[in-house]
Amino acid sequence: MAFKEINRIKVVLVEKRRTNKWLAEELGMNTTTISRWCRNDVQPPLETLVEVARLLDVDIRELLVPTKK
């Protein structure tokens, strides 16, 4: 199966000048988990993605790679 980029969490963190460590602390999670999301190794649950969007003050759609151009 080919690697597929699904989320844009890493990009949005950079745009918002935030770090993986900051996000991990805000969510009460391990930095390794956040790092795996940023690399698109695994995807966060939808409920968590909603919380990430709230913390970064973005629409949840900004955290996802569009499926249509």
Protein backbone atom coordinates (compact mmCIF):
# COMPACT_ATOMS: atom_id res chain seq x y z
CA MET A 1 0.00 0.00 0.00
CA ALA A 2 1.40 3.38 -0.98
CA PHE A 3 1.99 6.10 1.59
CA LYS A 4 -0.85 8.60 1.61
CA GLU A 5 -0.82 11.95 3.32
CA ILE A 6 -4.15 12.44 5.05
CA ASN A 7 -3.69 15.17 7.63
CA ARG A 8 -1.93 18.55 7.63
CA ILE A 9 -1.34 18.81 11.37
CA LYS A 10 2.40 19.41 10.97
CA VAL A 11 1.84 22.20 8.42
CA VAL A 12 -0.77 23.94 10.56
CA LEU A 13 1.43 23.70 13.67
CA VAL A 14 4.21 25.47 11.75
CA GLU A 15 1.80 28.10 10.42
CA LYS A 16 0.56 28.75 13.98
CA ARG A 17 4.12 28.73 15.35
CA ARG A 18 3.35 25.88 17.72
CA THR A 19 5.27 22.69 18.46
CA ASN A 20 4.46 19.02 18.83
CA LYS A 21 5.39 19.35 22.50
CA TRP A 22 2.89 22.20 23.00
CA LEU A 23 0.10 20.20 21.34
CA ALA A 24 0.94 17.11 23.38
CA GLU A 25 0.79 19.11 26.61
CA GLU A 26 -2.52 20.74 25.66
CA LEU A 27 -4.07 17.37 24.82
CA GLY A 28 -2.46 15.53 27.74
CA MET A 29 -0.83 13.09 25.35
CA ASN A 30 2.63 11.74 24.64
CA THR A 31 4.81 13.70 22.18
CA THR A 32 5.46 10.44 20.32
CA THR A 33 1.77 10.17 19.47
CA ILE A 34 1.69 13.72 18.10
CA SER A 35 4.84 13.04 16.10
CA ARG A 36 3.23 9.97 14.51
CA TRP A 37 0.21 12.08 13.51
CA CYS A 38 2.51 14.72 11.99
CA ARG A 39 4.29 12.05 9.94
CA ASN A 40 0.92 10.57 8.89
CA ASP A 41 1.97 7.20 10.31
CA VAL A 42 -1.37 7.05 12.14
CA GLN A 43 -4.40 9.33 12.27
CA PRO A 44 -5.99 10.85 15.35
CA PRO A 45 -9.57 9.94 16.23
CA LEU A 46 -12.15 12.37 14.86
CA GLU A 47 -12.99 13.66 18.35
CA THR A 48 -9.31 14.46 18.94
CA LEU A 49 -9.01 16.14 15.54
CA VAL A 50 -11.89 18.42 16.55
CA GLU A 51 -10.00 19.32 19.73
CA VAL A 52 -6.78 19.96 17.76
CA ALA A 53 -8.69 22.32 15.47
CA ARG A 54 -10.08 24.16 18.49
CA LEU A 55 -6.65 24.49 20.11
CA LEU A 56 -5.10 25.79 16.88
CA ASP A 57 -8.10 28.04 16.19
CA VAL A 58 -8.69 26.65 12.69
CA ASP A 59 -11.55 25.02 10.84
CA ILE A 60 -11.16 21.24 11.07
CA ARG A 61 -11.00 21.12 7.25
CA GLU A 62 -7.65 22.94 7.41
CA LEU A 63 -6.22 19.90 9.18
CA LEU A 64 -7.12 17.53 6.35
CA VAL A 65 -5.72 17.08 2.87
CA PRO A 66 -8.52 17.80 0.36
CA THR A 67 -9.85 14.82 -1.54
CA LYS A 68 -10.91 16.95 -4.50
CA LYS A 69 -9.00 19.75 -6.17
